[in-house]
């Protein structure tokens, strides 16, 4: 009997205040090429390999069933929406961190080597979302 195929991660969607501004910011700060920004400015995408980084307005959250009414996390949980962390791999984490800050990212913590061997730095984007800039960590060999 064949096993079902694993799904492919298609999108990481970041909810933002201004889609066009965020697309420009991510392109400048993190080095991505803009794939698409629709004419309504309610959807933008970056060229980012097999998984697309997409942006949509903050108010455009998961819709409710048949009515299409927008339900926000605040309404569902009685509190603020949980933070999102976007992670990008770079060969030169220090240069990536410096570039991001130069282009308007808010520094959170400078790159440092973690106990698991990855060099990692953190910034916040223009909407306050946490962005991790890290070196690639190879998977351990399986025996």
N, C-alpha and C. Protein backbone atom coordinates (compact mmCIF):
# COMPACT_ATOMS: atom_id res chain seq x y z
N UNK A 1 0.85 -1.18 0.00
CA UNK A 1 0.00 0.00 0.00
C UNK A 1 0.90 1.25 0.00
N UNK A 2 0.65 2.17 -0.89
CA UNK A 2 1.45 3.39 -1.00
C UNK A 2 1.10 4.35 0.13
N UNK A 3 2.14 5.01 0.64
CA UNK A 3 1.88 6.00 1.69
C UNK A 3 1.50 7.33 1.05
N UNK A 4 0.68 8.12 1.72
CA UNK A 4 0.28 9.41 1.15
C UNK A 4 1.49 10.33 1.04
N UNK A 5 1.47 11.15 0.01
CA UNK A 5 2.57 12.10 -0.20
C UNK A 5 2.50 13.19 0.86
N UNK A 6 3.67 13.58 1.36
CA UNK A 6 3.73 14.68 2.32
C UNK A 6 3.38 15.98 1.61
N UNK A 7 2.66 16.86 2.27
CA UNK A 7 2.34 18.14 1.63
C UNK A 7 3.59 19.01 1.52
N UNK A 8 3.55 19.94 0.60
CA UNK A 8 4.62 20.92 0.43
C UNK A 8 4.19 22.22 1.06
N UNK A 9 5.08 22.85 1.80
CA UNK A 9 4.78 24.16 2.38
C UNK A 9 4.79 25.17 1.25
N UNK A 10 3.65 25.77 0.95
CA UNK A 10 3.52 26.66 -0.19
C UNK A 10 3.75 28.12 0.14
N UNK A 11 3.23 28.58 1.29
CA UNK A 11 3.30 29.98 1.64
C UNK A 11 3.58 30.17 3.12
N UNK A 12 4.29 31.22 3.41
CA UNK A 12 4.32 31.81 4.75
C UNK A 12 3.65 33.16 4.54
N UNK A 13 2.56 33.41 5.22
CA UNK A 13 1.83 34.66 5.04
C UNK A 13 2.05 35.54 6.26
N UNK A 14 2.52 36.75 6.01
CA UNK A 14 2.77 37.72 7.07
C UNK A 14 1.68 38.78 6.99
N UNK A 15 0.98 39.00 8.10
CA UNK A 15 -0.07 40.01 8.16
C UNK A 15 0.57 41.35 8.51
N UNK A 16 0.33 42.35 7.67
CA UNK A 16 1.01 43.63 7.80
C UNK A 16 0.03 44.79 7.66
N UNK A 17 0.47 45.98 8.06
CA UNK A 17 -0.36 47.17 7.96
C UNK A 17 -0.45 47.64 6.51
N UNK A 18 0.68 47.68 5.79
CA UNK A 18 0.73 48.18 4.43
C UNK A 18 1.50 47.19 3.56
N UNK A 19 0.79 46.45 2.71
CA UNK A 19 1.40 45.38 1.92
C UNK A 19 2.52 45.92 1.03
N UNK A 20 2.27 46.99 0.29
CA UNK A 20 3.28 47.53 -0.62
C UNK A 20 4.54 47.95 0.14
N UNK A 21 4.38 48.62 1.27
CA UNK A 21 5.53 49.04 2.08
C UNK A 21 6.31 47.83 2.58
N UNK A 22 5.60 46.80 3.04
CA UNK A 22 6.27 45.61 3.56
C UNK A 22 7.00 44.86 2.46
N UNK A 23 6.41 44.76 1.27
CA UNK A 23 7.08 44.11 0.15
C UNK A 23 8.37 44.85 -0.18
N UNK A 24 8.30 46.18 -0.24
CA UNK A 24 9.50 46.99 -0.50
C UNK A 24 10.53 46.81 0.60
N UNK A 25 10.08 46.82 1.85
CA UNK A 25 10.98 46.67 2.99
C UNK A 25 11.70 45.32 2.95
N UNK A 26 10.96 44.22 2.78
CA UNK A 26 11.58 42.89 2.77
C UNK A 26 12.52 42.74 1.58
N UNK A 27 12.18 43.34 0.47
CA UNK A 27 13.05 43.29 -0.70
C UNK A 27 14.37 44.00 -0.40
N UNK A 28 14.29 45.19 0.17
CA UNK A 28 15.49 45.98 0.47
C UNK A 28 16.28 45.42 1.64
N UNK A 29 15.60 45.09 2.74
CA UNK A 29 16.28 44.70 3.97
C UNK A 29 16.83 43.28 3.94
N UNK A 30 16.15 42.37 3.24
CA UNK A 30 16.55 40.97 3.29
C UNK A 30 16.99 40.40 1.95
N UNK A 31 16.92 41.21 0.88
CA UNK A 31 17.49 40.81 -0.40
C UNK A 31 16.61 39.97 -1.30
N UNK A 32 15.30 40.02 -1.12
CA UNK A 32 14.41 39.24 -1.97
C UNK A 32 13.94 40.05 -3.17
N UNK A 33 13.60 39.34 -4.25
CA UNK A 33 13.03 39.95 -5.44
C UNK A 33 11.51 39.86 -5.35
N UNK A 34 10.84 40.94 -5.70
CA UNK A 34 9.37 40.95 -5.67
C UNK A 34 8.86 40.11 -6.82
N UNK A 35 8.03 39.14 -6.49
CA UNK A 35 7.39 38.30 -7.51
C UNK A 35 6.09 38.94 -7.97
N UNK A 36 5.33 39.47 -7.01
CA UNK A 36 4.00 39.97 -7.36
C UNK A 36 3.52 40.95 -6.30
N UNK A 37 2.89 42.01 -6.75
CA UNK A 37 2.15 42.92 -5.88
C UNK A 37 0.89 43.25 -6.66
N UNK A 38 -0.26 42.74 -6.18
CA UNK A 38 -1.47 42.95 -6.98
C UNK A 38 -1.88 44.43 -6.96
N UNK A 39 -2.68 44.81 -7.94
CA UNK A 39 -3.03 46.22 -8.11
C UNK A 39 -3.84 46.77 -6.93
N UNK A 40 -4.48 45.91 -6.16
CA UNK A 40 -5.24 46.37 -4.99
C UNK A 40 -4.33 46.58 -3.78
N UNK A 41 -3.10 46.10 -3.87
CA UNK A 41 -2.13 46.15 -2.77
C UNK A 41 -2.62 45.37 -1.55
N UNK A 42 -3.44 44.34 -1.81
CA UNK A 42 -3.89 43.47 -0.72
C UNK A 42 -3.17 42.13 -0.73
N UNK A 43 -2.22 41.95 -1.65
CA UNK A 43 -1.46 40.70 -1.71
C UNK A 43 -0.13 40.98 -2.39
N UNK A 44 0.94 40.52 -1.77
CA UNK A 44 2.26 40.65 -2.36
C UNK A 44 3.05 39.38 -2.11
N UNK A 45 3.97 39.06 -3.02
CA UNK A 45 4.79 37.85 -2.88
C UNK A 45 6.24 38.18 -3.21
N UNK A 46 7.15 37.44 -2.57
CA UNK A 46 8.57 37.54 -2.85
C UNK A 46 9.08 36.23 -3.41
N UNK A 47 10.08 36.30 -4.29
CA UNK A 47 10.77 35.10 -4.78
C UNK A 47 11.61 34.59 -3.62
N UNK A 48 11.29 33.42 -3.13
CA UNK A 48 12.01 32.90 -1.97
C UNK A 48 12.18 31.39 -2.03
N UNK A 49 12.38 30.86 -3.21
CA UNK A 49 12.58 29.42 -3.34
C UNK A 49 11.27 28.69 -3.37
N UNK A 50 11.26 27.45 -2.87
CA UNK A 50 10.06 26.62 -2.98
C UNK A 50 8.89 27.09 -2.11
N UNK A 51 9.16 27.88 -1.07
CA UNK A 51 8.09 28.40 -0.23
C UNK A 51 7.99 29.90 -0.47
N UNK A 52 6.81 30.37 -0.80
CA UNK A 52 6.59 31.78 -1.09
C UNK A 52 6.37 32.55 0.20
N UNK A 53 7.01 33.71 0.31
CA UNK A 53 6.71 34.64 1.40
C UNK A 53 5.67 35.59 0.84
N UNK A 54 4.52 35.64 1.48
CA UNK A 54 3.42 36.47 1.01
C UNK A 54 3.00 37.44 2.10
N UNK A 55 2.38 38.54 1.69
CA UNK A 55 1.91 39.57 2.62
C UNK A 55 0.47 39.89 2.29
N UNK A 56 -0.31 40.12 3.35
CA UNK A 56 -1.70 40.51 3.19
C UNK A 56 -2.04 41.44 4.35
N UNK A 57 -3.07 42.29 4.20
CA UNK A 57 -3.38 43.25 5.25
C UNK A 57 -3.70 42.60 6.59
N UNK A 58 -3.31 43.28 7.63
CA UNK A 58 -3.51 42.80 9.00
C UNK A 58 -4.97 42.46 9.28
N UNK A 59 -5.90 43.26 8.75
CA UNK A 59 -7.32 43.02 9.03
C UNK A 59 -7.86 41.82 8.25
N UNK A 60 -7.08 41.30 7.32
CA UNK A 60 -7.55 40.21 6.46
C UNK A 60 -7.16 38.86 7.05
N UNK A 61 -7.69 38.55 8.17
CA UNK A 61 -7.35 37.29 8.83
C UNK A 61 -8.31 36.22 8.41
N UNK A 62 -8.20 35.10 9.06
CA UNK A 62 -9.04 33.95 8.72
C UNK A 62 -10.52 34.34 8.74
N UNK A 63 -11.23 33.95 7.70
CA UNK A 63 -12.65 34.30 7.63
C UNK A 63 -13.49 33.20 8.25
N UNK A 64 -14.67 33.58 8.63
CA UNK A 64 -15.57 32.67 9.30
C UNK A 64 -16.55 32.05 8.31
N UNK A 65 -16.41 30.75 8.14
CA UNK A 65 -17.36 29.94 7.38
C UNK A 65 -18.05 30.57 6.21
N UNK A 66 -19.36 30.48 6.19
CA UNK A 66 -20.17 30.91 5.04
C UNK A 66 -20.31 32.41 4.93
N UNK A 67 -20.22 33.13 6.05
CA UNK A 67 -20.49 34.58 6.01
C UNK A 67 -19.33 35.37 5.45
N UNK A 68 -18.10 34.85 5.57
CA UNK A 68 -16.93 35.59 5.11
C UNK A 68 -16.53 36.70 6.06
N UNK A 69 -17.21 36.79 7.21
CA UNK A 69 -16.85 37.83 8.18
C UNK A 69 -15.46 37.55 8.74
N UNK A 70 -14.68 38.59 8.88
CA UNK A 70 -13.32 38.43 9.38
C UNK A 70 -13.35 38.25 10.89
N UNK A 71 -12.65 37.21 11.35
CA UNK A 71 -12.51 36.98 12.78
C UNK A 71 -11.05 37.18 13.14
N UNK A 72 -10.79 38.09 14.04
CA UNK A 72 -9.41 38.34 14.43
C UNK A 72 -9.05 37.50 15.65
N UNK A 73 -7.77 37.35 15.86
CA UNK A 73 -7.30 36.59 17.02
C UNK A 73 -7.75 37.25 18.31
N UNK A 74 -7.84 38.58 18.32
CA UNK A 74 -8.28 39.29 19.52
C UNK A 74 -9.70 38.88 19.89
N UNK A 75 -10.55 38.74 18.88
CA UNK A 75 -11.93 38.33 19.13
C UNK A 75 -12.00 36.90 19.63
N UNK A 76 -11.15 36.04 19.07
CA UNK A 76 -11.19 34.63 19.43
C UNK A 76 -10.57 34.34 20.79
N UNK A 77 -9.50 35.04 21.13
CA UNK A 77 -8.76 34.74 22.34
C UNK A 77 -8.88 35.81 23.41
N UNK A 78 -9.46 36.94 23.04
CA UNK A 78 -9.57 38.02 24.02
C UNK A 78 -8.24 38.71 24.26
N UNK A 79 -7.28 38.58 23.36
CA UNK A 79 -5.99 39.22 23.54
C UNK A 79 -5.34 39.51 22.21
N UNK A 80 -4.11 39.93 22.24
CA UNK A 80 -3.39 40.28 21.02
C UNK A 80 -3.01 39.03 20.23
N UNK A 81 -2.92 39.18 18.92
CA UNK A 81 -2.49 38.09 18.04
C UNK A 81 -1.06 37.71 18.40
N UNK A 82 -0.80 36.42 18.41
CA UNK A 82 0.53 35.93 18.74
C UNK A 82 1.55 36.38 17.71
N UNK A 83 2.81 36.52 18.12
CA UNK A 83 3.84 36.98 17.19
C UNK A 83 4.19 35.91 16.16
N UNK A 84 4.71 36.39 15.05
CA UNK A 84 5.18 35.52 13.98
C UNK A 84 6.69 35.66 13.94
N UNK A 85 7.39 34.57 13.74
CA UNK A 85 8.83 34.65 13.54
C UNK A 85 9.13 34.09 12.17
N UNK A 86 9.74 34.91 11.32
CA UNK A 86 10.15 34.50 9.99
C UNK A 86 11.65 34.25 10.07
N UNK A 87 12.12 33.15 9.50
CA UNK A 87 13.55 32.80 9.56
C UNK A 87 14.13 32.75 8.16
N UNK A 88 15.27 33.43 7.98
CA UNK A 88 15.99 33.42 6.71
C UNK A 88 17.39 32.89 6.94
N UNK A 89 17.86 32.00 6.06
CA UNK A 89 19.22 31.47 6.11
C UNK A 89 20.14 32.30 5.25
N UNK A 90 21.31 32.63 5.78
CA UNK A 90 22.32 33.39 5.04
C UNK A 90 23.69 32.75 5.25
N UNK A 91 24.54 32.85 4.25
CA UNK A 91 25.93 32.40 4.37
C UNK A 91 26.69 33.37 5.28
N UNK A 92 26.41 34.67 5.17
CA UNK A 92 27.07 35.70 5.99
C UNK A 92 26.01 36.40 6.83
N UNK A 93 25.78 35.89 8.02
CA UNK A 93 24.73 36.41 8.89
C UNK A 93 25.03 37.83 9.34
N UNK A 94 26.30 38.13 9.62
CA UNK A 94 26.66 39.48 10.06
C UNK A 94 26.32 40.52 9.00
N UNK A 95 26.68 40.23 7.75
CA UNK A 95 26.38 41.16 6.65
C UNK A 95 24.87 41.30 6.45
N UNK A 96 24.14 40.21 6.56
CA UNK A 96 22.68 40.24 6.40
C UNK A 96 22.04 41.08 7.50
N UNK A 97 22.53 40.92 8.72
CA UNK A 97 22.01 41.69 9.86
C UNK A 97 22.27 43.18 9.65
N UNK A 98 23.49 43.52 9.27
CA UNK A 98 23.85 44.93 9.04
C UNK A 98 22.99 45.54 7.93
N UNK A 99 22.79 44.79 6.86
CA UNK A 99 21.96 45.27 5.74
C UNK A 99 20.53 45.52 6.20
N UNK A 100 19.96 44.57 6.93
CA UNK A 100 18.58 44.69 7.39
C UNK A 100 18.41 45.94 8.25
N UNK A 101 19.34 46.16 9.18
CA UNK A 101 19.25 47.33 10.07
C UNK A 101 19.43 48.61 9.26
N UNK A 102 20.37 48.61 8.31
CA UNK A 102 20.57 49.77 7.43
C UNK A 102 19.30 50.14 6.68
N UNK A 103 18.52 49.13 6.31
CA UNK A 103 17.32 49.34 5.50
C UNK A 103 16.06 49.54 6.34
N UNK A 104 16.21 49.66 7.65
CA UNK A 104 15.06 50.00 8.49
C UNK A 104 14.58 48.96 9.46
N UNK A 105 15.20 47.78 9.48
CA UNK A 105 14.82 46.77 10.49
C UNK A 105 15.27 47.26 11.86
N UNK A 106 14.50 46.92 12.88
CA UNK A 106 14.84 47.31 14.25
C UNK A 106 15.70 46.21 14.86
N UNK A 107 16.92 46.55 15.31
CA UNK A 107 17.78 45.52 15.90
C UNK A 107 17.18 44.97 17.19
N UNK A 108 17.22 43.67 17.35
CA UNK A 108 16.76 43.02 18.58
C UNK A 108 17.96 42.40 19.29
N UNK A 109 18.71 41.55 18.58
CA UNK A 109 19.96 41.02 19.14
C UNK A 109 20.92 40.73 17.99
N UNK A 110 22.16 41.15 18.18
CA UNK A 110 23.20 40.98 17.16
C UNK A 110 23.50 39.49 16.97
N UNK A 111 24.00 39.12 15.80
CA UNK A 111 24.31 37.71 15.54
C UNK A 111 25.32 37.14 16.54
N UNK A 112 25.04 35.93 16.98
CA UNK A 112 25.95 35.19 17.85
C UNK A 112 25.78 33.70 17.58
N UNK A 113 26.81 32.94 17.86
CA UNK A 113 26.76 31.49 17.65
C UNK A 113 26.04 30.86 18.84
N UNK A 114 25.00 30.11 18.54
CA UNK A 114 24.20 29.44 19.58
C UNK A 114 24.81 28.08 19.92
N UNK A 115 24.35 27.49 21.00
CA UNK A 115 24.92 26.21 21.46
C UNK A 115 24.72 25.07 20.46
N UNK A 116 23.77 25.19 19.57
CA UNK A 116 23.53 24.15 18.57
C UNK A 116 24.36 24.39 17.29
N UNK A 117 25.21 25.45 17.31
CA UNK A 117 26.14 25.68 16.22
C UNK A 117 25.67 26.66 15.16
N UNK A 118 24.48 27.18 15.27
CA UNK A 118 23.96 28.13 14.28
C UNK A 118 24.27 29.55 14.72
N UNK A 119 24.70 30.38 13.79
CA UNK A 119 24.86 31.80 14.06
C UNK A 119 23.52 32.47 13.80
N UNK A 120 23.01 33.23 14.78
CA UNK A 120 21.67 33.78 14.71
C UNK A 120 21.65 35.22 15.22
N UNK A 121 20.94 36.08 14.50
CA UNK A 121 20.65 37.43 14.95
C UNK A 121 19.17 37.69 14.74
N UNK A 122 18.63 38.64 15.48
CA UNK A 122 17.20 38.94 15.39
C UNK A 122 16.97 40.42 15.14
N UNK A 123 15.97 40.71 14.29
CA UNK A 123 15.50 42.07 14.05
C UNK A 123 13.98 42.03 14.04
N UNK A 124 13.38 43.21 14.04
CA UNK A 124 11.93 43.31 13.84
C UNK A 124 11.69 44.06 12.54
N UNK A 125 10.64 43.63 11.82
CA UNK A 125 10.28 44.31 10.58
C UNK A 125 9.48 45.57 10.90
N UNK A 126 9.00 46.26 9.87
CA UNK A 126 8.31 47.54 10.09
C UNK A 126 6.95 47.39 10.75
N UNK A 127 6.46 46.13 10.88
CA UNK A 127 5.21 45.88 11.59
C UNK A 127 5.44 45.26 12.97
N UNK A 128 6.72 45.12 13.35
CA UNK A 128 7.04 44.55 14.65
C UNK A 128 7.17 43.04 14.68
N UNK A 129 7.08 42.38 13.50
CA UNK A 129 7.26 40.93 13.44
C UNK A 129 8.73 40.59 13.62
N UNK A 130 9.01 39.53 14.34
CA UNK A 130 10.38 39.10 14.58
C UNK A 130 10.90 38.35 13.36
N UNK A 131 12.12 38.71 12.94
CA UNK A 131 12.78 38.06 11.82
C UNK A 131 14.12 37.52 12.33
N UNK A 132 14.32 36.22 12.18
CA UNK A 132 15.57 35.57 12.56
C UNK A 132 16.45 35.47 11.33
N UNK A 133 17.69 35.92 11.45
CA UNK A 133 18.68 35.81 10.40
C UNK A 133 19.68 34.79 10.90
N UNK A 134 19.78 33.66 10.20
CA UNK A 134 20.64 32.60 10.73
C UNK A 134 21.42 31.89 9.64
N UNK A 135 22.47 31.25 10.08
CA UNK A 135 23.24 30.39 9.17
C UNK A 135 22.48 29.08 9.00
N UNK A 136 22.74 28.41 7.89
CA UNK A 136 22.08 27.13 7.64
C UNK A 136 22.64 26.08 8.60
N UNK A 137 21.77 25.27 9.14
CA UNK A 137 22.18 24.18 10.02
C UNK A 137 21.90 22.87 9.29
N UNK A 138 22.94 22.15 9.00
CA UNK A 138 22.76 20.86 8.31
C UNK A 138 22.10 19.87 9.26
N UNK A 139 21.22 19.04 8.69
CA UNK A 139 20.58 18.00 9.51
C UNK A 139 21.62 16.95 9.88
N UNK A 140 21.50 16.43 11.08
CA UNK A 140 22.44 15.36 11.46
C UNK A 140 22.22 14.12 10.59
N UNK A 141 23.27 13.42 10.33
CA UNK A 141 23.14 12.21 9.52
C UNK A 141 22.34 11.16 10.26
N UNK A 142 21.48 10.49 9.54
CA UNK A 142 20.70 9.40 10.14
C UNK A 142 21.37 8.09 9.80
N UNK A 143 21.47 7.26 10.78
CA UNK A 143 22.11 5.96 10.56
C UNK A 143 21.10 4.89 10.31
